[in-house]
PDB file of N, CA and C in Angstrom:
ATOM      1  N   MET A   1     -25.675  51.684 -42.749  1.00  0.00           N
ATOM      2  CA  MET A   1     -26.731  52.647 -42.846  1.00  0.00           C
ATOM      3  C   MET A   1     -27.918  52.134 -42.038  1.00  0.00           C
ATOM      4  N   VAL A   2     -28.374  52.934 -41.117  1.00  0.00           N
ATOM      5  CA  VAL A   2     -29.482  52.570 -40.253  1.00  0.00           C
ATOM      6  C   VAL A   2     -30.735  53.220 -40.819  1.00  0.00           C
ATOM      7  N   THR A   3     -31.767  52.376 -41.026  1.00  0.00           N
ATOM      8  CA  THR A   3     -33.017  52.921 -41.546  1.00  0.00           C
ATOM      9  C   THR A   3     -34.101  52.777 -40.505  1.00  0.00           C
ATOM     10  N   ASN A   4     -34.989  53.717 -40.497  1.00  0.00           N
ATOM     11  CA  ASN A   4     -36.118  53.684 -39.583  1.00  0.00           C
ATOM     12  C   ASN A   4     -37.282  53.066 -40.330  1.00  0.00           C
ATOM     13  N   LEU A   5     -37.777  51.921 -39.871  1.00  0.00           N
ATOM     14  CA  LEU A   5     -38.846  51.214 -40.571  1.00  0.00           C
ATOM     15  C   LEU A   5     -40.147  52.006 -40.553  1.00  0.00           C
ATOM     16  N   ALA A   6     -40.356  52.839 -39.549  1.00  0.00           N
ATOM     17  CA  ALA A   6     -41.595  53.618 -39.469  1.00  0.00           C
ATOM     18  C   ALA A   6     -41.629  54.705 -40.533  1.00  0.00           C
ATOM     19  N   SER A   7     -40.478  55.203 -40.919  1.00  0.00           N
ATOM     20  CA  SER A   7     -40.441  56.271 -41.908  1.00  0.00           C
ATOM     21  C   SER A   7     -40.459  55.741 -43.335  1.00  0.00           C
ATOM     22  N   MET A   8     -40.317  54.459 -43.539  1.00  0.00           N
ATOM     23  CA  MET A   8     -40.289  53.892 -44.889  1.00  0.00           C
ATOM     24  C   MET A   8     -41.710  53.740 -45.413  1.00  0.00           C
ATOM     25  N   ARG A   9     -41.832  53.751 -46.725  1.00  0.00           N
ATOM     26  CA  ARG A   9     -43.134  53.548 -47.338  1.00  0.00           C
ATOM     27  C   ARG A   9     -43.447  52.059 -47.368  1.00  0.00           C
ATOM     28  N   ARG A  10     -44.716  51.748 -47.536  1.00  0.00           N
ATOM     29  CA  ARG A  10     -45.147  50.345 -47.534  1.00  0.00           C
ATOM     30  C   ARG A  10     -44.475  49.548 -48.648  1.00  0.00           C
ATOM     31  N   ALA A  11     -44.276  50.135 -49.807  1.00  0.00           N
ATOM     32  CA  ALA A  11     -43.661  49.439 -50.928  1.00  0.00           C
ATOM     33  C   ALA A  11     -42.196  49.153 -50.652  1.00  0.00           C
ATOM     34  N   ASP A  12     -41.582  49.968 -49.839  1.00  0.00           N
ATOM     35  CA  ASP A  12     -40.164  49.777 -49.545  1.00  0.00           C
ATOM     36  C   ASP A  12     -39.917  48.744 -48.452  1.00  0.00           C
ATOM     37  N   LEU A  13     -40.963  48.396 -47.697  1.00  0.00           N
ATOM     38  CA  LEU A  13     -40.801  47.425 -46.622  1.00  0.00           C
ATOM     39  C   LEU A  13     -40.561  46.028 -47.214  1.00  0.00           C
ATOM     40  N   PRO A  14     -39.777  45.256 -46.530  1.00  0.00           N
ATOM     41  CA  PRO A  14     -39.566  43.886 -47.050  1.00  0.00           C
ATOM     42  C   PRO A  14     -40.867  43.095 -46.978  1.00  0.00           C
ATOM     43  N   GLN A  15     -41.110  42.346 -48.015  1.00  0.00           N
ATOM     44  CA  GLN A  15     -42.337  41.566 -48.084  1.00  0.00           C
ATOM     45  C   GLN A  15     -42.184  40.308 -47.222  1.00  0.00           C
ATOM     46  N   ILE A  16     -43.067  40.138 -46.278  1.00  0.00           N
ATOM     47  CA  ILE A  16     -43.038  39.003 -45.379  1.00  0.00           C
ATOM     48  C   ILE A  16     -44.254  38.148 -45.686  1.00  0.00           C
ATOM     49  N   SER A  17     -44.031  36.906 -45.908  1.00  0.00           N
ATOM     50  CA  SER A  17     -45.120  35.998 -46.242  1.00  0.00           C
ATOM     51  C   SER A  17     -45.670  35.370 -44.974  1.00  0.00           C
ATOM     52  N   ALA A  18     -47.010  35.211 -44.968  1.00  0.00           N
ATOM     53  CA  ALA A  18     -47.633  34.535 -43.834  1.00  0.00           C
ATOM     54  C   ALA A  18     -47.660  33.030 -44.047  1.00  0.00           C
ATOM     55  N   LYS A  19     -47.047  32.596 -45.128  1.00  0.00           N
ATOM     56  CA  LYS A  19     -47.019  31.167 -45.434  1.00  0.00           C
ATOM     57  C   LYS A  19     -46.086  30.479 -44.450  1.00  0.00           C
ATOM     58  N   PRO A  20     -46.500  29.387 -43.883  1.00  0.00           N
ATOM     59  CA  PRO A  20     -45.613  28.684 -42.952  1.00  0.00           C
ATOM     60  C   PRO A  20     -44.384  28.139 -43.684  1.00  0.00           C
ATOM     61  N   PRO A  21     -43.307  27.920 -42.973  1.00  0.00           N
ATOM     62  CA  PRO A  21     -42.061  27.524 -43.632  1.00  0.00           C
ATOM     63  C   PRO A  21     -42.121  26.150 -44.303  1.00  0.00           C
ATOM     64  N   ASN A  22     -43.056  25.296 -43.896  1.00  0.00           N
ATOM     65  CA  ASN A  22     -43.092  23.978 -44.525  1.00  0.00           C
ATOM     66  C   ASN A  22     -43.878  23.978 -45.834  1.00  0.00           C
ATOM     67  N   GLY A  23     -44.493  25.111 -46.213  1.00  0.00           N
ATOM     68  CA  GLY A  23     -45.146  25.229 -47.501  1.00  0.00           C
ATOM     69  C   GLY A  23     -46.518  24.589 -47.559  1.00  0.00           C
ATOM     70  N   ARG A  24     -47.191  24.476 -46.451  1.00  0.00           N
ATOM     71  CA  ARG A  24     -48.496  23.815 -46.452  1.00  0.00           C
ATOM     72  C   ARG A  24     -49.614  24.859 -46.353  1.00  0.00           C
ATOM     73  N   GLY A  25     -49.795  25.641 -47.355  1.00  0.00           N
ATOM     74  CA  GLY A  25     -50.876  26.609 -47.363  1.00  0.00           C
ATOM     75  C   GLY A  25     -50.508  27.872 -46.618  1.00  0.00           C
ATOM     76  N   GLY A  26     -51.455  28.804 -46.518  1.00  0.00           N
ATOM     77  CA  GLY A  26     -51.206  30.064 -45.837  1.00  0.00           C
ATOM     78  C   GLY A  26     -51.535  31.208 -46.776  1.00  0.00           C
ATOM     79  N   PHE A  27     -50.924  32.358 -46.533  1.00  0.00           N
ATOM     80  CA  PHE A  27     -51.200  33.534 -47.350  1.00  0.00           C
ATOM     81  C   PHE A  27     -49.930  33.939 -48.056  1.00  0.00           C
ATOM     82  N   ASP A  28     -50.078  34.345 -49.327  1.00  0.00           N
ATOM     83  CA  ASP A  28     -48.907  34.817 -50.057  1.00  0.00           C
ATOM     84  C   ASP A  28     -48.756  36.316 -49.832  1.00  0.00           C
ATOM     85  N   ASN A  29     -47.851  36.960 -50.589  1.00  0.00           N
ATOM     86  CA  ASN A  29     -47.544  38.372 -50.377  1.00  0.00           C
ATOM     87  C   ASN A  29     -48.716  39.288 -50.692  1.00  0.00           C
ATOM     88  N   THR A  30     -49.609  38.845 -51.555  1.00  0.00           N
ATOM     89  CA  THR A  30     -50.724  39.713 -51.942  1.00  0.00           C
ATOM     90  C   THR A  30     -51.890  39.591 -50.990  1.00  0.00           C
ATOM     91  N   GLY A  31     -51.850  38.691 -50.050  1.00  0.00           N
ATOM     92  CA  GLY A  31     -52.915  38.547 -49.087  1.00  0.00           C
ATOM     93  C   GLY A  31     -53.927  37.490 -49.470  1.00  0.00           C
ATOM     94  N   THR A  32     -53.746  36.830 -50.619  1.00  0.00           N
ATOM     95  CA  THR A  32     -54.667  35.761 -50.996  1.00  0.00           C
ATOM     96  C   THR A  32     -54.141  34.449 -50.437  1.00  0.00           C
ATOM     97  N   GLN A  33     -55.083  33.588 -50.146  1.00  0.00           N
ATOM     98  CA  GLN A  33     -54.687  32.316 -49.543  1.00  0.00           C
ATOM     99  C   GLN A  33     -54.166  31.384 -50.633  1.00  0.00           C
ATOM    100  N   THR A  34     -53.060  30.754 -50.350  1.00  0.00           N
ATOM    101  CA  THR A  34     -52.492  29.794 -51.302  1.00  0.00           C
ATOM    102  C   THR A  34     -53.046  28.408 -51.001  1.00  0.00           C
ATOM    103  N   PRO A  35     -53.251  27.623 -52.051  1.00  0.00           N
ATOM    104  CA  PRO A  35     -53.778  26.279 -51.798  1.00  0.00           C
ATOM    105  C   PRO A  35     -52.765  25.431 -51.049  1.00  0.00           C
ATOM    106  N   GLN A  36     -53.292  24.473 -50.358  1.00  0.00           N
ATOM    107  CA  GLN A  36     -52.425  23.597 -49.577  1.00  0.00           C
ATOM    108  C   GLN A  36     -51.729  22.622 -50.511  1.00  0.00           C
ATOM    109  N   LYS A  37     -50.433  22.523 -50.370  1.00  0.00           N
ATOM    110  CA  LYS A  37     -49.662  21.604 -51.197  1.00  0.00           C
ATOM    111  C   LYS A  37     -49.913  20.167 -50.740  1.00  0.00           C
ATOM    112  N   PRO A  38     -49.773  19.244 -51.660  1.00  0.00           N
ATOM    113  CA  PRO A  38     -49.941  17.849 -51.230  1.00  0.00           C
ATOM    114  C   PRO A  38     -48.896  17.486 -50.185  1.00  0.00           C
ATOM    115  N   TYR A  39     -49.328  16.740 -49.211  1.00  0.00           N
ATOM    116  CA  TYR A  39     -48.467  16.392 -48.086  1.00  0.00           C
ATOM    117  C   TYR A  39     -47.498  15.310 -48.509  1.00  0.00           C
ATOM    118  N   LYS A  40     -46.249  15.661 -48.522  1.00  0.00           N
ATOM    119  CA  LYS A  40     -45.212  14.674 -48.841  1.00  0.00           C
ATOM    120  C   LYS A  40     -44.412  14.430 -47.572  1.00  0.00           C
ATOM    121  N   ASN A  41     -44.607  13.258 -47.052  1.00  0.00           N
ATOM    122  CA  ASN A  41     -43.942  12.946 -45.801  1.00  0.00           C
ATOM    123  C   ASN A  41     -42.601  12.298 -46.112  1.00  0.00           C
ATOM    124  N   ARG A  42     -41.565  12.931 -45.661  1.00  0.00           N
ATOM    125  CA  ARG A  42     -40.236  12.350 -45.866  1.00  0.00           C
ATOM    126  C   ARG A  42     -40.075  11.076 -45.047  1.00  0.00           C
ATOM    127  N   MET A  43     -40.801  11.005 -43.941  1.00  0.00           N
ATOM    128  CA  MET A  43     -40.717   9.812 -43.098  1.00  0.00           C
ATOM    129  C   MET A  43     -41.259   8.591 -43.834  1.00  0.00           C
ATOM    130  N   THR A  44     -42.250   8.817 -44.711  1.00  0.00           N
ATOM    131  CA  THR A  44     -42.790   7.695 -45.471  1.00  0.00           C
ATOM    132  C   THR A  44     -41.689   7.081 -46.324  1.00  0.00           C
ATOM    133  N   ARG A  45     -40.915   7.935 -46.975  1.00  0.00           N
ATOM    134  CA  ARG A  45     -39.823   7.433 -47.811  1.00  0.00           C
ATOM    135  C   ARG A  45     -38.785   6.704 -46.962  1.00  0.00           C
ATOM    136  N   SER A  46     -38.448   7.301 -45.818  1.00  0.00           N
ATOM    137  CA  SER A  46     -37.447   6.650 -44.974  1.00  0.00           C
ATOM    138  C   SER A  46     -37.998   5.350 -44.398  1.00  0.00           C
ATOM    139  N   ARG A  47     -39.316   5.323 -44.086  1.00  0.00           N
ATOM    140  CA  ARG A  47     -39.913   4.077 -43.608  1.00  0.00           C
ATOM    141  C   ARG A  47     -39.869   3.012 -44.690  1.00  0.00           C
ATOM    142  N   LYS A  48     -40.160   3.425 -45.928  1.00  0.00           N
ATOM    143  CA  LYS A  48     -40.109   2.470 -47.038  1.00  0.00           C
ATOM    144  C   LYS A  48     -38.689   1.916 -47.188  1.00  0.00           C
ATOM    145  N   LEU A  49     -37.723   2.807 -47.137  1.00  0.00           N
ATOM    146  CA  LEU A  49     -36.333   2.364 -47.258  1.00  0.00           C
ATOM    147  C   LEU A  49     -35.952   1.457 -46.101  1.00  0.00           C
ATOM    148  N   ARG A  50     -36.426   1.804 -44.896  1.00  0.00           N
ATOM    149  CA  ARG A  50     -36.123   0.972 -43.737  1.00  0.00           C
ATOM    150  C   ARG A  50     -36.748  -0.411 -43.890  1.00  0.00           C
ATOM    151  N   ASN A  51     -38.002  -0.438 -44.374  1.00  0.00           N
ATOM    152  CA  ASN A  51     -38.663  -1.729 -44.581  1.00  0.00           C
ATOM    153  C   ASN A  51     -37.937  -2.554 -45.626  1.00  0.00           C
ATOM    154  N   GLU A  52     -37.511  -1.897 -46.716  1.00  0.00           N
ATOM    155  CA  GLU A  52     -36.773  -2.624 -47.741  1.00  0.00           C
ATOM    156  C   GLU A  52     -35.457  -3.149 -47.192  1.00  0.00           C
ATOM    157  N   SER A  53     -34.786  -2.331 -46.393  1.00  0.00           N
ATOM    158  CA  SER A  53     -33.510  -2.778 -45.846  1.00  0.00           C
ATOM    159  C   SER A  53     -33.706  -3.944 -44.887  1.00  0.00           C
ATOM    160  N   THR A  54     -34.782  -3.910 -44.088  1.00  0.00           N
ATOM    161  CA  THR A  54     -35.015  -5.042 -43.188  1.00  0.00           C
ATOM    162  C   THR A  54     -35.370  -6.287 -43.978  1.00  0.00           C
ATOM    163  N   LYS A  55     -36.129  -6.138 -45.081  1.00  0.00           N
ATOM    164  CA  LYS A  55     -36.430  -7.293 -45.924  1.00  0.00           C
ATOM    165  C   LYS A  55     -35.150  -7.866 -46.516  1.00  0.00           C
ATOM    166  N   LEU A  56     -34.277  -6.971 -46.982  1.00  0.00           N
ATOM    167  CA  LEU A  56     -33.007  -7.435 -47.543  1.00  0.00           C
ATOM    168  C   LEU A  56     -32.147  -8.102 -46.482  1.00  0.00           C
ATOM    169  N   GLN A  57     -32.161  -7.542 -45.276  1.00  0.00           N
ATOM    170  CA  GLN A  57     -31.391  -8.155 -44.197  1.00  0.00           C
ATOM    171  C   GLN A  57     -31.937  -9.529 -43.863  1.00  0.00           C
ATOM    172  N   LEU A  58     -33.268  -9.663 -43.860  1.00  0.00           N
ATOM    173  CA  LEU A  58     -33.866 -10.966 -43.573  1.00  0.00           C
ATOM    174  C   LEU A  58     -33.518 -11.969 -44.660  1.00  0.00           C
ATOM    175  N   SER A  59     -33.592 -11.537 -45.927  1.00  0.00           N
ATOM    176  CA  SER A  59     -33.259 -12.467 -47.003  1.00  0.00           C
ATOM    177  C   SER A  59     -31.778 -12.828 -46.949  1.00  0.00           C
ATOM    178  N   LEU A  60     -30.931 -11.865 -46.609  1.00  0.00           N
ATOM    179  CA  LEU A  60     -29.510 -12.158 -46.457  1.00  0.00           C
ATOM    180  C   LEU A  60     -29.288 -13.134 -45.314  1.00  0.00           C
ATOM    181  N   HIS A  61     -30.017 -12.937 -44.224  1.00  0.00           N
ATOM    182  CA  HIS A  61     -29.911 -13.843 -43.075  1.00  0.00           C
ATOM    183  C   HIS A  61     -30.351 -15.252 -43.469  1.00  0.00           C
ATOM    184  N   GLU A  62     -31.433 -15.343 -44.250  1.00  0.00           N
ATOM    185  CA  GLU A  62     -31.906 -16.654 -44.689  1.00  0.00           C
ATOM    186  C   GLU A  62     -30.873 -17.327 -45.591  1.00  0.00           C
ATOM    187  N   LEU A  63     -30.268 -16.551 -46.486  1.00  0.00           N
ATOM    188  CA  LEU A  63     -29.234 -17.109 -47.353  1.00  0.00           C
ATOM    189  C   LEU A  63     -28.038 -17.592 -46.539  1.00  0.00           C
ATOM    190  N   CYS A  64     -27.660 -16.811 -45.529  1.00  0.00           N
ATOM    191  CA  CYS A  64     -26.544 -17.222 -44.674  1.00  0.00           C
ATOM    192  C   CYS A  64     -26.885 -18.508 -43.937  1.00  0.00           C
ATOM    193  N   GLU A  65     -28.133 -18.612 -43.481  1.00  0.00           N
ATOM    194  CA  GLU A  65     -28.547 -19.837 -42.794  1.00  0.00           C
ATOM    195  C   GLU A  65     -28.488 -21.021 -43.741  1.00  0.00           C
ATOM    196  N   LYS A  66     -28.949 -20.810 -44.982  1.00  0.00           N
ATOM    197  CA  LYS A  66     -28.911 -21.902 -45.953  1.00  0.00           C
ATOM    198  C   LYS A  66     -27.475 -22.320 -46.231  1.00  0.00           C
ATOM    199  N   LEU A  67     -26.602 -21.324 -46.386  1.00  0.00           N
ATOM    200  CA  LEU A  67     -25.202 -21.644 -46.626  1.00  0.00           C
ATOM    201  C   LEU A  67     -24.586 -22.358 -45.431  1.00  0.00           C
ATOM    202  N   SER A  68     -24.924 -21.883 -44.257  1.00  0.00           N
ATOM    203  CA  SER A  68     -24.353 -22.529 -43.072  1.00  0.00           C
ATOM    204  C   SER A  68     -24.919 -23.931 -42.906  1.00  0.00           C
ATOM    205  N   THR A  69     -26.199 -24.140 -43.257  1.00  0.00           N
ATOM    206  CA  THR A  69     -26.755 -25.487 -43.135  1.00  0.00           C
ATOM    207  C   THR A  69     -26.138 -26.406 -44.171  1.00  0.00           C
ATOM    208  N   THR A  70     -25.864 -25.897 -45.376  1.00  0.00           N
ATOM    209  CA  THR A  70     -25.212 -26.760 -46.366  1.00  0.00           C
ATOM    210  C   THR A  70     -23.798 -27.091 -45.899  1.00  0.00           C
ATOM    211  N   GLY A  71     -23.132 -26.107 -45.291  1.00  0.00           N
ATOM    212  CA  GLY A  71     -21.812 -26.382 -44.729  1.00  0.00           C
ATOM    213  C   GLY A  71     -21.897 -27.392 -43.604  1.00  0.00           C
ATOM    214  N   LYS A  72     -22.942 -27.269 -42.783  1.00  0.00           N
ATOM    215  CA  LYS A  72     -23.135 -28.221 -41.696  1.00  0.00           C
ATOM    216  C   LYS A  72     -23.441 -29.604 -42.243  1.00  0.00           C
ATOM    217  N   ILE A  73     -24.230 -29.653 -43.314  1.00  0.00           N
ATOM    218  CA  ILE A  73     -24.548 -30.945 -43.929  1.00  0.00           C
ATOM    219  C   ILE A  73     -23.276 -31.599 -44.444  1.00  0.00           C
ATOM    220  N   ASP A  74     -22.413 -30.806 -45.090  1.00  0.00           N
ATOM    221  CA  ASP A  74     -21.145 -31.355 -45.566  1.00  0.00           C
ATOM    222  C   ASP A  74     -20.297 -31.867 -44.404  1.00  0.00           C
ATOM    223  N   LYS A  75     -20.264 -31.105 -43.313  1.00  0.00           N
ATOM    224  CA  LYS A  75     -19.498 -31.537 -42.146  1.00  0.00           C
ATOM    225  C   LYS A  75     -20.079 -32.824 -41.566  1.00  0.00           C
ATOM    226  N   ILE A  76     -21.414 -32.892 -41.521  1.00  0.00           N
ATOM    227  CA  ILE A  76     -22.065 -34.088 -40.984  1.00  0.00           C
ATOM    228  C   ILE A  76     -21.757 -35.294 -41.859  1.00  0.00           C
ATOM    229  N   LYS A  77     -21.779 -35.120 -43.170  1.00  0.00           N
ATOM    230  CA  LYS A  77     -21.458 -36.233 -44.075  1.00  0.00           C
ATOM    231  C   LYS A  77     -20.017 -36.688 -43.875  1.00  0.00           C
ATOM    232  N   ALA A  78     -19.120 -35.727 -43.728  1.00  0.00           N
ATOM    233  CA  ALA A  78     -17.715 -36.085 -43.491  1.00  0.00           C
ATOM    234  C   ALA A  78     -17.574 -36.830 -42.171  1.00  0.00           C
ATOM    235  N   GLN A  79     -18.302 -36.387 -41.142  1.00  0.00           N
ATOM    236  CA  GLN A  79     -18.242 -37.072 -39.855  1.00  0.00           C
ATOM    237  C   GLN A  79     -18.826 -38.478 -39.956  1.00  0.00           C
ATOM    238  N   GLU A  80     -19.911 -38.638 -40.741  1.00  0.00           N
ATOM    239  CA  GLU A  80     -20.488 -39.971 -40.919  1.00  0.00           C
ATOM    240  C   GLU A  80     -19.501 -40.895 -41.624  1.00  0.00           C
ATOM    241  N   ASP A  81     -18.785 -40.364 -42.616  1.00  0.00           N
ATOM    242  CA  ASP A  81     -17.772 -41.172 -43.299  1.00  0.00           C
ATOM    243  C   ASP A  81     -16.680 -41.601 -42.322  1.00  0.00           C
ATOM    244  N   MET A  82     -16.246 -40.645 -41.474  1.00  0.00           N
ATOM    245  CA  MET A  82     -15.221 -40.992 -40.484  1.00  0.00           C
ATOM    246  C   MET A  82     -15.746 -42.048 -39.513  1.00  0.00           C
ATOM    247  N   ILE A  83     -17.009 -41.930 -39.108  1.00  0.00           N
ATOM    248  CA  ILE A  83     -17.602 -42.913 -38.187  1.00  0.00           C
ATOM    249  C   ILE A  83     -17.645 -44.285 -38.840  1.00  0.00           C
ATOM    250  N   ASN A  84     -18.033 -44.336 -40.112  1.00  0.00           N
ATOM    251  CA  ASN A  84     -18.068 -45.617 -40.819  1.00  0.00           C
ATOM    252  C   ASN A  84     -16.679 -46.238 -40.894  1.00  0.00           C
ATOM    253  N   LYS A  85     -15.664 -45.421 -41.192  1.00  0.00           N
ATOM    254  CA  LYS A  85     -14.294 -45.942 -41.250  1.00  0.00           C
ATOM    255  C   LYS A  85     -13.865 -46.471 -39.884  1.00  0.00           C
ATOM    256  N   LEU A  86     -14.195 -45.711 -38.832  1.00  0.00           N
ATOM    257  CA  LEU A  86     -13.825 -46.147 -37.494  1.00  0.00           C
ATOM    258  C   LEU A  86     -14.550 -47.433 -37.097  1.00  0.00           C
ATOM    259  N   GLU A  87     -15.816 -47.569 -37.508  1.00  0.00           N
ATOM    260  CA  GLU A  87     -16.550 -48.801 -37.212  1.00  0.00           C
ATOM    261  C   GLU A  87     -15.900 -49.997 -37.886  1.00  0.00           C
ATOM    262  N   VAL A  88     -15.442 -49.819 -39.124  1.00  0.00           N
ATOM    263  CA  VAL A  88     -14.760 -50.901 -39.826  1.00  0.00           C
ATOM    264  C   VAL A  88     -13.467 -51.257 -39.099  1.00  0.00           C
ATOM    265  N   GLU A  89     -12.724 -50.227 -38.660  1.00  0.00           N
ATOM    266  CA  GLU A  89     -11.489 -50.487 -37.932  1.00  0.00           C
ATOM    267  C   GLU A  89     -11.767 -51.202 -36.610  1.00  0.00           C
ATOM    268  N   VAL A  90     -12.838 -50.839 -35.939  1.00  0.00           N
ATOM    269  CA  VAL A  90     -13.193 -51.489 -34.677  1.00  0.00           C
ATOM    270  C   VAL A  90     -13.521 -52.951 -34.921  1.00  0.00           C
ATOM    271  N   GLU A  91     -14.270 -53.243 -35.974  1.00  0.00           N
ATOM    272  CA  GLU A  91     -14.619 -54.631 -36.293  1.00  0.00           C
ATOM    273  C   GLU A  91     -13.371 -55.458 -36.577  1.00  0.00           C
ATOM    274  N   THR A  92     -12.454 -54.891 -37.356  1.00  0.00           N
ATOM    275  CA  THR A  92     -11.220 -55.639 -37.638  1.00  0.00           C
ATOM    276  C   THR A  92     -10.397 -55.808 -36.367  1.00  0.00           C
ATOM    277  N   ALA A  93     -10.387 -54.793 -35.510  1.00  0.00           N
ATOM    278  CA  ALA A  93      -9.641 -54.900 -34.248  1.00  0.00           C
ATOM    279  C   ALA A  93     -10.259 -55.984 -33.361  1.00  0.00           C
ATOM    280  N   LYS A  94     -11.606 -56.070 -33.350  1.00  0.00           N
ATOM    281  CA  LYS A  94     -12.263 -57.115 -32.564  1.00  0.00           C
ATOM    282  C   LYS A  94     -11.889 -58.501 -33.090  1.00  0.00           C
ATOM    283  N   LYS A  95     -11.867 -58.648 -34.402  1.00  0.00           N
ATOM    284  CA  LYS A  95     -11.502 -59.943 -34.991  1.00  0.00           C
ATOM    285  C   LYS A  95     -10.051 -60.289 -34.650  1.00  0.00           C
ATOM    286  N   ASP A  96      -9.177 -59.289 -34.763  1.00  0.00           N
ATOM    287  CA  ASP A  96      -7.776 -59.515 -34.419  1.00  0.00           C
ATOM    288  C   ASP A  96      -7.627 -59.891 -32.947  1.00  0.00           C
ATOM    289  N   ALA A  97      -8.399 -59.228 -32.091  1.00  0.00           N
ATOM    290  CA  ALA A  97      -8.320 -59.519 -30.659  1.00  0.00           C
ATOM    291  C   ALA A  97      -8.803 -60.940 -30.384  1.00  0.00           C
ATOM    292  N   GLN A  98      -9.876 -61.371 -31.069  1.00  0.00           N
ATOM    293  CA  GLN A  98     -10.357 -62.736 -30.878  1.00  0.00           C
ATOM    294  C   GLN A  98      -9.324 -63.742 -31.357  1.00  0.00           C
ATOM    295  N   ASP A  99      -8.704 -63.452 -32.492  1.00  0.00           N
ATOM    296  CA  ASP A  99      -7.649 -64.336 -32.980  1.00  0.00           C
ATOM    297  C   ASP A  99      -6.497 -64.381 -31.997  1.00  0.00           C
ATOM    298  N   PHE A 100      -6.138 -63.221 -31.459  1.00  0.00           N
ATOM    299  CA  PHE A 100      -5.040 -63.163 -30.507  1.00  0.00           C
ATOM    300  C   PHE A 100      -5.388 -63.925 -29.230  1.00  0.00           C
ATOM    301  N   LYS A 101      -6.656 -63.825 -28.801  1.00  0.00           N
ATOM    302  CA  LYS A 101      -7.069 -64.569 -27.608  1.00  0.00           C
ATOM    303  C   LYS A 101      -6.959 -66.070 -27.858  1.00  0.00           C
ATOM    304  N   GLY A 102      -7.386 -66.470 -29.058  1.00  0.00           N
ATOM    305  CA  GLY A 102      -7.279 -67.886 -29.388  1.00  0.00           C
ATOM    306  C   GLY A 102      -5.828 -68.344 -29.392  1.00  0.00           C
ATOM    307  N   GLU A 103      -4.947 -67.537 -29.970  1.00  0.00           N
ATOM    308  CA  GLU A 103      -3.521 -67.883 -29.997  1.00  0.00           C
ATOM    309  C   GLU A 103      -2.942 -67.848 -28.588  1.00  0.00           C
ATOM    310  N   SER A 104      -3.362 -66.871 -27.800  1.00  0.00           N
ATOM    311  CA  SER A 104      -2.793 -66.777 -26.452  1.00  0.00           C
ATOM    312  C   SER A 104      -3.239 -67.958 -25.586  1.00  0.00           C
ATOM    313  N   THR A 105      -4.471 -68.423 -25.777  1.00  0.00           N
ATOM    314  CA  THR A 105      -4.889 -69.604 -25.001  1.00  0.00           C
ATOM    315  C   THR A 105      -4.098 -70.817 -25.450  1.00  0.00           C
ATOM    316  N   GLU A 106      -3.824 -70.941 -26.746  1.00  0.00           N
ATOM    317  CA  GLU A 106      -2.999 -72.048 -27.234  1.00  0.00           C
ATOM    318  C   GLU A 106      -1.600 -71.961 -26.632  1.00  0.00           C
ATOM    319  N   LEU A 107      -1.048 -70.737 -26.578  1.00  0.00           N
ATOM    320  CA  LEU A 107       0.281 -70.572 -25.989  1.00  0.00           C
ATOM    321  C   LEU A 107       0.281 -70.920 -24.503  1.00  0.00           C
ATOM    322  N   LYS A 108      -0.768 -70.538 -23.821  1.00  0.00           N
ATOM    323  CA  LYS A 108      -0.854 -70.853 -22.392  1.00  0.00           C
ATOM    324  C   LYS A 108      -0.916 -72.360 -22.172  1.00  0.00           C
ATOM    325  N   VAL A 109      -1.686 -73.050 -23.016  1.00  0.00           N
ATOM    326  CA  VAL A 109      -1.780 -74.505 -22.904  1.00  0.00           C
ATOM    327  C   VAL A 109      -0.418 -75.130 -23.175  1.00  0.00           C
ATOM    328  N   ASN A 110       0.259 -74.675 -24.198  1.00  0.00           N
ATOM    329  CA  ASN A 110       1.586 -75.205 -24.525  1.00  0.00           C
ATOM    330  C   ASN A 110       2.588 -74.924 -23.408  1.00  0.00           C
ATOM    331  N   MET A 111       2.535 -73.728 -22.820  1.00  0.00           N
ATOM    332  CA  MET A 111       3.435 -73.405 -21.712  1.00  0.00           C
ATOM    333  C   MET A 111       3.143 -74.290 -20.507  1.00  0.00           C
ATOM    334  N   ALA A 112       1.863 -74.551 -20.263  1.00  0.00           N
ATOM    335  CA  ALA A 112       1.498 -75.414 -19.143  1.00  0.00           C
ATOM    336  C   ALA A 112       2.040 -76.826 -19.368  1.00  0.00           C
ATOM    337  N   LYS A 113       1.947 -77.327 -20.615  1.00  0.00           N
ATOM    338  CA  LYS A 113       2.478 -78.656 -20.932  1.00  0.00           C
ATOM    339  C   LYS A 113       3.985 -78.675 -20.724  1.00  0.00           C
ATOM    340  N   ILE A 114       4.674 -77.634 -21.177  1.00  0.00           N
ATOM    341  CA  ILE A 114       6.127 -77.571 -21.029  1.00  0.00           C
ATOM    342  C   ILE A 114       6.495 -77.545 -19.545  1.00  0.00           C
ATOM    343  N   ASN A 115       5.766 -76.759 -18.759  1.00  0.00           N
ATOM    344  CA  ASN A 115       6.024 -76.687 -17.317  1.00  0.00           C
ATOM    345  C   ASN A 115       5.795 -78.043 -16.646  1.00  0.00           C
ATOM    346  N   GLN A 116       4.773 -78.772 -17.082  1.00  0.00           N
ATOM    347  CA  GLN A 116       4.502 -80.085 -16.500  1.00  0.00           C
ATOM    348  C   GLN A 116       5.645 -81.054 -16.836  1.00  0.00           C
ATOM    349  N   LYS A 117       6.108 -80.974 -18.085  1.00  0.00           N
ATOM    350  CA  LYS A 117       7.203 -81.860 -18.475  1.00  0.00           C
ATOM    351  C   LYS A 117       8.476 -81.528 -17.702  1.00  0.00           C
ATOM    352  N   MET A 118       8.699 -80.241 -17.441  1.00  0.00           N
ATOM    353  CA  MET A 118       9.905 -79.856 -16.726  1.00  0.00           C
ATOM    354  C   MET A 118       9.813 -80.281 -15.257  1.00  0.00           C
ATOM    355  N   ASP A 119       8.623 -80.262 -14.704  1.00  0.00           N
ATOM    356  CA  ASP A 119       8.459 -80.677 -13.313  1.00  0.00           C
ATOM    357  C   ASP A 119       8.676 -82.177 -13.151  1.00  0.00           C
ATOM    358  N   LEU A 120       8.411 -82.922 -14.156  1.00  0.00           N
ATOM    359  CA  LEU A 120       8.553 -84.366 -14.049  1.00  0.00           C
ATOM    360  C   LEU A 120       9.977 -84.739 -14.130  1.00  0.00           C
TER     361      LEU A 120
END
């Protein structure tokens, strides 16, 4: 059904509000001005959430660093223990080598004596 808006009465016309779509004041259907609603910025809420999330991410990052440093400390302690064990082994090897050098010089002297006796 097609209606002609010019032929309709004012009461039959659809009521159009001059109020802006965001609801921040304007005129209502009766022509009186509506008070301005308090400004609620959705971005403020999202900014707050973003700030909280970045704070949580930073605290999580700090916790991860602490955990990784404790893991690193444990690794360093294990490496220090291995170094100490290796140092002890090196010291014993040096002592063994000195003993072996002493024995080898004795053997060389004895071989030289045997060679001299055989030459005679």
